[in-house]
Amino acid sequence: MDEKKYLEEIERVIARGPYSASWESLQTVPTAKWYQSAKFGIFIHWGPYSAAAYNNEWYSRNMYIKDSDEYKHHIATYGAHKNFGYKDFIPMLTAEKFNADEWAELFKESGAGYVVPVAEHHEGFQMYRSEISHWNAYEMGPKRDTLGELKAAIEKRGLTLGASSHRIEHWWFMGHGRDFDSDIKEPMKRGDFYWPAHEEPENQFDSYAPNGPDEEFMTDWLLRTCEIVDKYRPSLVYFDWWIHHINARKYIKMFAAYYYNRAAEWGIEAAINYKHDSFAFGSAVPTVERGQFDEVKPYLWQTDTCCCLNSWCYTDNNQYKDSSDIVKDLVDINAKNGCMLLNIGPKADGTICENDARILREIGAWMKVNGESIRGTRVWRVSCEGPTRIKQGQFTDGIKKEFTPRDIRYSTGNGAIYASVMKAPDDGVARICALKLTDDKCKPDFSGEIDSVELLGYNGSLEWKQDGEALTVVTAPVKTDMPLVYKVKVK
């Protein structure tokens, strides 16, 4: 790649608009309609760390930290780091059983509307064909353009493609390998797999951490990220947290302007995900890692979470969630104007492990019956009722929510109000208080007189009564751990 010419092209695209590299301009980008409607997406962490398959996707960092669990495991399993380093996992990422159509079919069955493969993780291996670095899946490991194959399979099934870049953390991610005799050593130059292996900041969440990424690294970051956009035209670009560093600010504004302008040229609605304060509010969609908000928001937001609790990638000891807990989170998030991006971690051979596949199919079975209460819906005038409060913030998805039959989440669409009862009542009697009968049109819970009530997927007899206390719906007891969705139409 002629980097100078590519940078000039980036500047030309930004200059001809409609968006400039300023927060004032970027805050005028409309929220993508497809994103507001899709509500449920699939995240994919797959790379050389899937071949290591130990503890989590940060193996490439942790294996170089002396006396860490990964360090000891690595020496016991593979020998000294100078003889077998992280780069030596790349040939083990064989992907000989990878079938993009089978993956996409499973994603479609799950009820997801968009799919976001990790194009490049912190360790710097590109899971796509690149002209910037030879350290990519087309030239090494699988020797396949895995992102390109997924794009074709995903879009053939009417799903929307996103892409995730975690490249910026590579500035320091492999730096601990300099502390002893390993395969991470000088001299290193731009384009090398481990470059720059800088010292890790004391506080990774400090926007002003000393010795942040320099101009050379950020230029490389910009080129890599724009290359993903130009080659694959994703409708969503996801960034992890470290782009919040002040040294990145100029470059993320340049990227956003370039990406939004390219999307305008191509006639696609584009969105960017960010964490913390990386972007000016309103210029991209905020995401909460492994957590959610405790109340409805007037803007679109996203939870990125995982089928398992301990890792984003496949490992031999993953601890998986119950699919019913994931569905309940999806219902809660949707009621609060959010989306859920749910991660799976394929194996190095390209197969999706049995537990991930099972969870997606169980979610899909629920979505097949109840998906109309999620896809294409919007927040109602009441989002939630009931005694159970959600703990707000990131890294809270391991806290079990003990929902009761009084916990209800609302959405609206298709000319109806959807009331999702988070735990099926043992006696089959659901009391939906926000749909009580009232003549006070000024009250925020005013619903009007009800015309019909349906329990989605239920074929038995149903009786309902609306009074000044609640809408009461009586059915035979339904044995399920999943939320029950009542579809209510008002006269």
Protein backbone atom coordinates (compact mmCIF):
# COMPACT_ATOMS: atom_id res chain seq x y z
CA MET A 1 0.00 0.00 0.00
CA ASP A 2 1.19 3.50 -0.82
CA GLU A 3 0.51 5.02 2.60
CA LYS A 4 1.09 8.60 1.47
CA LYS A 5 -1.51 8.32 -1.28
CA TYR A 6 -3.98 6.62 1.09
CA LEU A 7 -3.60 9.42 3.64
CA GLU A 8 -4.19 11.95 0.88
CA GLU A 9 -7.35 10.07 -0.14
CA ILE A 10 -8.54 10.07 3.47
CA GLU A 11 -8.08 13.83 3.60
CA ARG A 12 -9.93 14.29 0.28
CA VAL A 13 -12.91 12.24 1.47
CA ILE A 14 -13.09 14.28 4.67
CA ALA A 15 -12.77 17.57 2.79
CA ARG A 16 -15.61 16.89 0.36
CA GLY A 17 -18.05 16.17 3.19
CA PRO A 18 -20.81 16.12 4.20
CA TYR A 19 -19.09 15.63 7.59
CA SER A 20 -15.90 17.26 8.82
CA ALA A 21 -13.50 16.05 11.49
CA SER A 22 -15.06 18.18 14.24
CA TRP A 23 -17.38 17.21 17.06
CA GLU A 24 -19.86 19.87 15.93
CA SER A 25 -20.18 18.21 12.54
CA LEU A 26 -20.05 14.60 13.77
CA GLN A 27 -22.84 15.26 16.25
CA THR A 28 -25.18 15.90 13.31
CA VAL A 29 -24.88 12.33 11.99
CA PRO A 30 -28.31 10.69 12.38
CA THR A 31 -28.63 7.44 14.30
CA ALA A 32 -28.83 4.54 11.86
CA LYS A 33 -32.42 3.33 11.52
CA TRP A 34 -31.37 -0.28 10.95
CA TYR A 35 -29.51 -0.18 14.28
CA GLN A 36 -32.51 1.20 16.18
CA SER A 37 -34.58 -1.69 14.85
CA ALA A 38 -32.17 -4.64 14.92
CA LYS A 39 -31.73 -4.63 18.74
CA PHE A 40 -29.79 -7.94 18.91
CA GLY A 41 -26.37 -8.67 17.42
CA ILE A 42 -23.62 -11.28 17.51
CA PHE A 43 -20.04 -10.40 18.48
CA ILE A 44 -17.22 -12.80 17.48
CA HIS A 45 -13.85 -13.05 19.22
CA TRP A 46 -11.71 -15.37 17.12
CA GLY A 47 -7.96 -15.26 16.63
CA PRO A 48 -4.66 -16.85 17.68
CA TYR A 49 -5.80 -16.55 21.31
CA SER A 50 -8.43 -19.17 20.37
CA ALA A 51 -5.56 -21.59 19.72
CA ALA A 52 -4.00 -20.83 23.10
CA ALA A 53 -7.50 -21.40 24.57
CA TYR A 54 -6.39 -20.67 28.11
CA ASN A 55 -8.10 -18.38 30.65
CA ASN A 56 -9.19 -15.62 28.25
CA GLU A 57 -8.45 -13.56 25.14
CA TRP A 58 -5.75 -11.59 26.98
CA TYR A 59 -3.41 -14.58 26.87
CA SER A 60 -1.03 -12.72 24.53
CA ARG A 61 -0.44 -10.07 27.19
CA ASN A 62 -0.58 -12.20 30.29
CA MET A 63 1.76 -14.95 29.05
CA TYR A 64 4.59 -12.38 29.14
CA ILE A 65 3.91 -11.24 32.72
CA LYS A 66 6.30 -13.09 34.99
CA ASP A 67 4.71 -15.35 37.62
CA SER A 68 1.22 -14.94 36.13
CA ASP A 69 -0.91 -18.04 35.72
CA GLU A 70 -0.56 -17.76 31.93
CA TYR A 71 3.23 -17.35 32.19
CA LYS A 72 3.57 -20.55 34.20
CA HIS A 73 1.12 -22.42 31.98
CA HIS A 74 2.97 -21.32 28.87
CA ILE A 75 6.36 -22.55 30.06
CA ALA A 76 4.91 -25.84 31.28
CA THR A 77 3.01 -26.43 28.03
CA TYR A 78 5.12 -24.85 25.27
CA GLY A 79 8.52 -24.12 26.78
CA ALA A 80 10.53 -20.93 27.03
CA HIS A 81 9.05 -17.78 25.55
CA LYS A 82 12.14 -17.13 23.44
CA ASN A 83 11.53 -20.44 21.65
CA PHE A 84 7.74 -20.41 21.49
CA GLY A 85 6.16 -16.98 21.63
CA TYR A 86 2.65 -15.75 20.96
CA LYS A 87 3.34 -15.54 17.22
CA ASP A 88 3.76 -19.33 17.20
CA PHE A 89 0.04 -19.78 17.90
CA ILE A 90 -0.77 -18.34 14.47
CA PRO A 91 -0.16 -21.61 12.55
CA MET A 92 -2.40 -23.33 15.11
CA LEU A 93 -5.30 -21.11 14.03
CA THR A 94 -6.07 -23.50 11.20
CA ALA A 95 -9.79 -22.78 10.59
CA GLU A 96 -9.98 -26.01 8.61
CA LYS A 97 -13.62 -26.47 9.68
CA PHE A 98 -14.66 -22.83 9.27
CA ASN A 99 -17.82 -22.52 7.19
CA ALA A 100 -19.10 -18.95 6.98
CA ASP A 101 -22.50 -20.06 5.69
CA GLU A 102 -23.02 -22.40 8.66
CA TRP A 103 -22.07 -19.60 11.06
CA ALA A 104 -24.39 -17.12 9.36
CA GLU A 105 -27.24 -19.62 9.35
CA LEU A 106 -26.87 -20.08 13.10
CA PHE A 107 -26.81 -16.30 13.63
CA LYS A 108 -29.95 -15.96 11.56
CA GLU A 109 -31.62 -18.73 13.58
CA SER A 110 -30.73 -16.90 16.82
CA GLY A 111 -32.86 -13.93 15.77
CA ALA A 112 -29.90 -11.56 15.53
CA GLY A 113 -30.04 -8.62 13.14
CA TYR A 114 -26.34 -7.75 12.92
CA VAL A 115 -22.97 -9.47 13.29
CA VAL A 116 -19.70 -7.88 14.45
CA PRO A 117 -16.54 -10.00 13.97
CA VAL A 118 -13.39 -8.75 15.67
CA ALA A 119 -11.26 -7.69 12.72
CA GLU A 120 -8.17 -7.05 14.86
CA HIS A 121 -7.77 -7.64 18.57
CA HIS A 122 -5.24 -6.13 20.99
CA GLU A 123 -2.52 -8.59 19.97
CA GLY A 124 -2.41 -7.20 16.44
CA PHE A 125 -3.32 -10.14 14.18
CA GLN A 126 -5.66 -9.06 11.40
CA MET A 127 -8.51 -11.51 10.72
CA TYR A 128 -8.88 -10.18 7.17
CA ARG A 129 -6.90 -9.60 4.00
CA SER A 130 -4.70 -6.54 4.45
CA GLU A 131 -2.27 -4.55 2.34
CA ILE A 132 -0.81 -2.87 5.43
CA SER A 133 0.67 -5.85 7.29
CA HIS A 134 1.58 -9.40 6.33
CA TRP A 135 0.45 -10.55 9.78
CA ASN A 136 -3.07 -11.35 8.65
CA ALA A 137 -5.34 -14.37 8.28
CA TYR A 138 -5.16 -14.32 4.48
CA GLU A 139 -1.39 -14.77 4.46
CA MET A 140 -0.89 -16.75 7.69
CA GLY A 141 -2.77 -19.23 9.85
CA PRO A 142 -6.05 -19.96 8.06
CA LYS A 143 -4.80 -18.33 4.84
CA ARG A 144 -8.36 -17.18 4.22
CA ASP A 145 -10.08 -13.82 4.24
CA THR A 146 -12.32 -14.79 7.13
CA LEU A 147 -13.95 -11.37 7.41
CA GLY A 148 -14.68 -11.31 3.70
CA GLU A 149 -16.24 -14.77 3.80
CA LEU A 150 -18.39 -13.79 6.76
CA LYS A 151 -19.50 -10.59 5.03
CA ALA A 152 -20.78 -12.54 2.02
CA ALA A 153 -22.57 -15.14 4.14
CA ILE A 154 -24.07 -12.63 6.58
CA GLU A 155 -25.38 -10.21 3.98
CA LYS A 156 -26.78 -13.06 1.85
CA ARG A 157 -29.11 -13.78 4.77
CA GLY A 158 -30.24 -10.20 5.21
CA LEU A 159 -28.12 -9.51 8.29
CA THR A 160 -26.02 -6.38 8.76
CA LEU A 161 -22.22 -6.55 8.94
CA GLY A 162 -20.17 -4.71 11.53
CA ALA A 163 -16.47 -4.90 12.34
CA SER A 164 -14.52 -4.40 15.54
CA SER A 165 -11.05 -2.90 15.92
CA HIS A 166 -9.10 -3.16 19.16
CA ARG A 167 -5.85 -2.13 17.51
CA ILE A 168 -5.10 0.90 19.65
CA GLU A 169 -4.45 -1.23 22.77
CA HIS A 170 -1.61 -2.88 20.81
CA TRP A 171 0.50 0.17 21.69
CA TRP A 172 1.22 -1.44 25.06
CA PHE A 173 -0.39 -4.88 24.94
CA MET A 174 2.78 -6.91 24.32
CA GLY A 175 5.13 -4.63 26.26
CA HIS A 176 5.79 -7.01 29.15
CA GLY A 177 7.70 -9.29 26.75
CA ARG A 178 10.56 -6.82 26.89
CA ASP A 179 11.08 -7.54 30.59
CA PHE A 180 12.91 -10.85 30.06
CA ASP A 181 14.42 -13.05 27.35
CA SER A 182 11.43 -13.63 25.09
CA ASP A 183 10.68 -13.41 21.38
CA ILE A 184 9.59 -9.78 21.90
CA LYS A 185 12.86 -7.93 21.53
CA GLU A 186 14.61 -5.12 19.72
CA PRO A 187 15.06 -4.15 17.02
CA MET A 188 11.38 -3.66 16.13
CA LYS A 189 9.98 -1.54 13.37
CA ARG A 190 6.57 -0.54 12.10
CA GLY A 191 4.92 -3.48 10.41
CA ASP A 192 6.44 -6.07 12.73
CA PHE A 193 3.87 -8.19 14.55
CA TYR A 194 4.91 -7.16 18.07
CA TRP A 195 5.72 -3.50 17.28
CA PRO A 196 5.70 -1.23 19.24
CA ALA A 197 5.36 -3.27 22.50
CA HIS A 198 5.43 -0.07 24.54
CA GLU A 199 5.36 0.02 28.33
CA GLU A 200 1.86 -0.57 29.69
CA PRO A 201 0.33 2.49 31.41
CA GLU A 202 -0.14 2.23 35.15
CA ASN A 203 -3.80 3.13 34.71
CA GLN A 204 -5.32 1.90 31.44
CA PHE A 205 -8.38 4.11 31.99
CA ASP A 206 -6.41 7.34 32.34
CA SER A 207 -7.13 9.51 29.29
CA TYR A 208 -3.91 11.40 29.96
CA ALA A 209 -1.66 8.44 30.79
CA PRO A 210 1.98 9.38 30.15
CA ASN A 211 3.68 8.07 27.01
CA GLY A 212 0.45 7.52 25.10
CA PRO A 213 0.38 6.46 21.45
CA ASP A 214 2.55 8.62 19.20
CA GLU A 215 1.90 10.06 15.74
CA GLU A 216 3.49 7.14 13.89
CA PHE A 217 1.36 4.58 15.70
CA MET A 218 -1.85 6.58 15.36
CA THR A 219 -1.25 7.09 11.64
CA ASP A 220 -0.87 3.34 11.29
CA TRP A 221 -4.08 2.92 13.35
CA LEU A 222 -5.96 5.30 11.08
CA LEU A 223 -4.80 3.54 7.92
CA ARG A 224 -5.70 0.10 9.27
CA THR A 225 -9.15 1.18 10.39
CA CYS A 226 -9.95 2.99 7.15
CA GLU A 227 -8.76 -0.09 5.23
CA ILE A 228 -11.40 -2.20 7.02
CA VAL A 229 -14.05 0.34 6.03
CA ASP A 230 -13.00 0.46 2.39
CA LYS A 231 -12.57 -3.29 1.93
CA TYR A 232 -15.67 -4.50 3.77
CA ARG A 233 -18.07 -1.54 4.05
CA PRO A 234 -19.35 -2.42 7.54
CA SER A 235 -22.46 -0.60 8.73
CA LEU A 236 -21.09 -0.56 12.29
CA VAL A 237 -17.55 -0.06 13.59
CA TYR A 238 -16.93 -1.01 17.21
CA PHE A 239 -14.01 0.34 19.26
CA ASP A 240 -12.78 -0.82 22.64
CA TRP A 241 -11.93 1.56 25.44
CA TRP A 242 -8.38 2.91 24.93
CA ILE A 243 -9.31 5.22 22.05
CA HIS A 244 -10.30 7.56 24.88
CA HIS A 245 -6.61 8.54 25.25
CA ILE A 246 -6.09 12.20 24.45
CA ASN A 247 -3.42 11.37 21.85
CA ALA A 248 -6.06 9.53 19.83
CA ARG A 249 -8.60 12.36 19.78
CA LYS A 250 -7.48 13.93 16.48
CA TYR A 251 -7.40 10.56 14.74
CA ILE A 252 -10.76 9.25 15.88
CA LYS A 253 -12.39 12.44 14.62
CA MET A 254 -10.63 11.95 11.29
CA PHE A 255 -11.73 8.33 11.13
CA ALA A 256 -15.33 9.15 12.03
CA ALA A 257 -15.55 11.85 9.35
CA TYR A 258 -13.99 9.53 6.78
CA TYR A 259 -16.27 6.62 7.69
CA TYR A 260 -19.49 8.63 7.81
CA ASN A 261 -18.62 10.32 4.50
CA ARG A 262 -17.82 7.00 2.86
CA ALA A 263 -21.12 5.59 4.13
CA ALA A 264 -22.95 8.58 2.66
CA GLU A 265 -21.25 7.91 -0.69
CA TRP A 266 -22.26 4.25 -0.59
CA GLY A 267 -25.79 4.94 0.58
CA ILE A 268 -25.53 3.03 3.84
CA GLU A 269 -26.45 4.11 7.36
CA ALA A 270 -23.34 3.88 9.51
CA ALA A 271 -22.76 3.81 13.26
CA ILE A 272 -19.77 3.76 15.60
CA ASN A 273 -19.58 2.22 19.06
CA TYR A 274 -17.46 3.73 21.81
CA LYS A 275 -16.88 3.44 25.56
CA HIS A 276 -16.37 6.03 28.28
CA ASP A 277 -15.75 9.54 26.88
CA SER A 278 -13.94 8.58 23.67
CA PHE A 279 -16.45 10.38 21.44
CA ALA A 280 -18.45 13.53 21.98
CA PHE A 281 -21.95 12.57 23.03
CA GLY A 282 -24.25 12.27 20.02
CA SER A 283 -21.48 11.59 17.50
CA ALA A 284 -21.56 7.80 18.04
CA VAL A 285 -23.43 5.13 20.03
CA PRO A 286 -22.18 4.46 23.60
CA THR A 287 -21.70 0.89 24.74
CA VAL A 288 -21.46 -0.59 28.23
CA GLU A 289 -19.15 -3.58 28.55
CA ARG A 290 -20.76 -6.51 30.38
CA GLY A 291 -23.34 -4.24 31.97
CA GLN A 292 -26.37 -2.09 31.42
CA PHE A 293 -28.32 0.93 32.62
CA ASP A 294 -30.90 0.82 35.40
CA GLU A 295 -33.33 3.16 33.67
CA VAL A 296 -34.51 4.09 30.20
CA LYS A 297 -32.35 6.44 28.14
CA PRO A 298 -33.52 8.98 25.52
CA TYR A 299 -30.72 7.85 23.18
CA LEU A 300 -29.71 4.53 21.61
CA TRP A 301 -27.07 2.61 23.54
CA GLN A 302 -25.63 -0.90 23.56
CA THR A 303 -24.53 -3.61 25.94
CA ASP A 304 -21.69 -5.80 24.75
CA THR A 305 -21.71 -9.04 26.69
CA CYS A 306 -20.85 -12.70 26.25
CA CYS A 307 -22.33 -16.18 26.38
CA CYS A 308 -19.80 -17.03 29.07
CA LEU A 309 -18.69 -15.21 32.18
CA ASN A 310 -14.92 -15.61 32.24
CA SER A 311 -13.69 -15.01 28.71
CA TRP A 312 -14.55 -13.42 25.36
CA CYS A 313 -12.79 -16.20 23.42
CA TYR A 314 -12.99 -19.97 23.46
CA THR A 315 -11.11 -21.64 26.30
CA ASP A 316 -11.20 -25.13 27.73
CA ASN A 317 -12.82 -23.93 30.97
CA ASN A 318 -15.45 -21.40 29.88
CA GLN A 319 -18.29 -20.82 32.35
CA TYR A 320 -21.50 -20.37 30.39
CA LYS A 321 -24.59 -18.37 31.29
CA ASP A 322 -28.13 -19.69 31.09
CA SER A 323 -29.83 -18.66 27.88
CA SER A 324 -32.86 -17.53 29.90
CA ASP A 325 -30.71 -14.99 31.78
CA ILE A 326 -29.40 -13.64 28.48
CA VAL A 327 -32.94 -13.29 27.08
CA LYS A 328 -34.07 -11.48 30.23
CA ASP A 329 -31.17 -9.06 29.83
CA LEU A 330 -32.12 -8.52 26.19
CA VAL A 331 -35.72 -7.74 27.18
CA ASP A 332 -34.59 -5.35 29.93
CA ILE A 333 -32.09 -3.61 27.65
CA ASN A 334 -34.62 -3.24 24.83
CA ALA A 335 -37.14 -1.64 27.20
CA LYS A 336 -34.52 0.98 28.06
CA ASN A 337 -33.71 1.92 24.44
CA GLY A 338 -30.67 -0.34 24.19
CA CYS A 339 -29.28 -3.08 21.97
CA MET A 340 -27.47 -6.25 22.99
CA LEU A 341 -24.29 -7.40 21.25
CA LEU A 342 -23.76 -10.99 22.41
CA ASN A 343 -20.34 -12.57 21.97
CA ILE A 344 -19.37 -16.10 21.01
CA GLY A 345 -15.88 -17.57 20.84
CA PRO A 346 -15.22 -20.09 18.05
CA LYS A 347 -12.47 -22.69 18.30
CA ALA A 348 -9.19 -22.47 16.41
CA ASP A 349 -10.44 -25.00 13.85
CA GLY A 350 -13.37 -22.75 12.95
CA THR A 351 -16.15 -24.60 14.74
CA ILE A 352 -18.57 -22.85 17.04
CA CYS A 353 -18.49 -24.75 20.31
CA GLU A 354 -21.53 -26.71 21.41
CA ASN A 355 -22.43 -24.43 24.33
CA ASP A 356 -22.34 -21.24 22.26
CA ALA A 357 -24.44 -22.89 19.54
CA ARG A 358 -26.93 -24.24 22.08
CA ILE A 359 -27.38 -20.84 23.70
CA LEU A 360 -27.93 -19.13 20.34
CA ARG A 361 -30.51 -21.73 19.33
CA GLU A 362 -32.36 -21.40 22.63
CA ILE A 363 -32.43 -17.63 22.22
CA GLY A 364 -33.60 -18.17 18.65
CA ALA A 365 -36.45 -20.40 19.76
CA TRP A 366 -37.68 -17.62 22.06
CA MET A 367 -37.17 -14.98 19.39
CA LYS A 368 -39.10 -16.99 16.83
CA VAL A 369 -42.20 -16.64 19.02
CA ASN A 370 -41.51 -13.33 20.75
CA GLY A 371 -39.13 -11.46 18.47
CA GLU A 372 -41.81 -8.99 17.42
CA SER A 373 -41.56 -7.49 20.92
CA ILE A 374 -37.86 -6.77 20.30
CA ARG A 375 -37.12 -6.15 16.62
CA GLY A 376 -38.37 -2.83 15.30
CA THR A 377 -39.93 -1.77 18.59
CA ARG A 378 -39.38 1.43 20.51
CA VAL A 379 -39.60 2.41 24.15
CA TRP A 380 -43.08 2.87 25.57
CA ARG A 381 -44.09 5.65 28.01
CA VAL A 382 -43.31 3.23 30.84
CA SER A 383 -40.22 1.04 30.48
CA CYS A 384 -40.22 -1.09 33.63
CA GLU A 385 -42.17 -2.02 36.72
CA GLY A 386 -41.57 -4.36 39.61
CA PRO A 387 -39.29 -4.69 42.62
CA THR A 388 -36.06 -5.91 40.99
CA ARG A 389 -33.50 -3.21 40.30
CA ILE A 390 -30.67 -3.69 37.84
CA LYS A 391 -27.19 -2.83 39.08
CA GLN A 392 -25.93 -0.18 36.70
CA GLY A 393 -22.47 -0.09 35.18
CA GLN A 394 -19.92 -2.18 33.36
CA PHE A 395 -18.77 -5.64 34.44
CA THR A 396 -22.00 -6.38 36.28
CA ASP A 397 -23.38 -9.12 34.02
CA GLY A 398 -22.21 -11.81 36.43
CA ILE A 399 -24.73 -10.63 39.02
CA LYS A 400 -27.75 -12.92 38.92
CA LYS A 401 -31.05 -11.07 38.61
CA GLU A 402 -33.74 -12.65 40.74
CA PHE A 403 -36.79 -11.49 38.81
CA THR A 404 -40.34 -11.98 40.09
CA PRO A 405 -43.69 -12.18 38.23
CA ARG A 406 -44.20 -8.52 39.17
CA ASP A 407 -41.13 -7.50 37.14
CA ILE A 408 -42.37 -6.37 33.73
CA ARG A 409 -40.61 -4.70 30.81
CA TYR A 410 -42.41 -2.75 28.09
CA SER A 411 -41.91 -1.95 24.42
CA THR A 412 -44.20 -0.78 21.65
CA GLY A 413 -44.57 -1.41 17.93
CA ASN A 414 -46.81 -3.08 15.36
CA GLY A 415 -49.76 -1.13 16.74
CA ALA A 416 -49.40 -2.84 20.11
CA ILE A 417 -47.87 -2.58 23.56
CA TYR A 418 -45.70 -5.52 24.62
CA ALA A 419 -45.56 -6.36 28.32
CA SER A 420 -42.84 -8.91 29.05
CA VAL A 421 -43.30 -10.65 32.39
CA MET A 422 -39.79 -11.59 33.45
CA LYS A 423 -40.79 -14.64 35.47
CA ALA A 424 -43.80 -16.79 34.64
CA PRO A 425 -46.35 -16.66 37.50
CA ASP A 426 -46.86 -20.05 39.12
CA ASP A 427 -50.65 -19.65 39.08
CA GLY A 428 -50.84 -18.32 35.50
CA VAL A 429 -52.14 -14.93 36.69
CA ALA A 430 -50.21 -11.92 35.37
CA ARG A 431 -50.92 -8.49 36.89
CA ILE A 432 -49.71 -5.73 34.56
CA CYS A 433 -50.07 -2.54 36.56
CA ALA A 434 -48.97 0.04 33.98
CA LEU A 435 -51.90 -1.04 31.78
CA LYS A 436 -54.54 -0.26 34.38
CA LEU A 437 -57.63 1.65 33.29
CA THR A 438 -57.51 5.37 33.97
CA ASP A 439 -59.24 8.47 32.67
CA ASP A 440 -56.33 10.73 33.55
CA LYS A 441 -54.64 11.29 30.20
CA CYS A 442 -51.94 13.39 31.85
CA LYS A 443 -50.55 10.45 33.78
CA PRO A 444 -47.48 8.89 32.16
CA ASP A 445 -48.93 5.39 32.55
CA PHE A 446 -52.19 6.20 30.72
CA SER A 447 -52.95 3.35 28.32
CA GLY A 448 -56.59 3.79 27.35
CA GLU A 449 -59.20 1.09 27.11
CA ILE A 450 -57.85 -2.25 25.93
CA ASP A 451 -59.24 -3.96 22.85
CA SER A 452 -57.39 -7.30 22.88
CA VAL A 453 -54.79 -9.28 24.81
CA GLU A 454 -52.63 -12.12 23.50
CA LEU A 455 -49.91 -14.19 25.16
CA LEU A 456 -47.43 -14.85 22.35
CA GLY A 457 -46.98 -18.55 21.66
CA TYR A 458 -49.86 -19.58 23.94
CA ASN A 459 -52.72 -21.57 22.42
CA GLY A 460 -54.85 -22.23 25.51
CA SER A 461 -57.79 -20.29 26.86
CA LEU A 462 -57.11 -16.77 28.09
CA GLU A 463 -59.17 -14.36 30.16
CA TRP A 464 -58.38 -10.78 30.97
CA LYS A 465 -59.81 -7.90 32.97
CA GLN A 466 -58.78 -4.26 33.06
CA ASP A 467 -59.62 -2.13 36.05
CA GLY A 468 -58.17 0.75 38.01
CA GLU A 469 -55.54 -1.46 39.60
CA ALA A 470 -54.07 -3.46 36.71
CA LEU A 471 -54.62 -5.46 33.59
CA THR A 472 -55.06 -8.99 34.92
CA VAL A 473 -54.50 -11.87 32.50
CA VAL A 474 -55.36 -15.45 33.45
CA THR A 475 -54.01 -18.49 31.62
CA ALA A 476 -53.03 -22.00 32.56
CA PRO A 477 -49.61 -21.97 34.28
CA VAL A 478 -46.79 -21.84 31.72
CA LYS A 479 -43.66 -23.77 32.66
CA THR A 480 -40.71 -21.77 31.34
CA ASP A 481 -37.64 -19.90 32.54
CA MET A 482 -38.02 -17.41 29.71
CA PRO A 483 -40.01 -14.15 29.85
CA LEU A 484 -43.68 -14.31 28.84
CA VAL A 485 -44.73 -11.64 26.36
CA TYR A 486 -48.26 -10.24 26.39
CA LYS A 487 -49.29 -8.37 23.27
CA VAL A 488 -51.89 -5.73 24.11
CA LYS A 489 -53.85 -3.58 21.67
CA VAL A 490 -55.68 -0.47 22.79
CA LYS A 491 -58.99 0.70 21.30
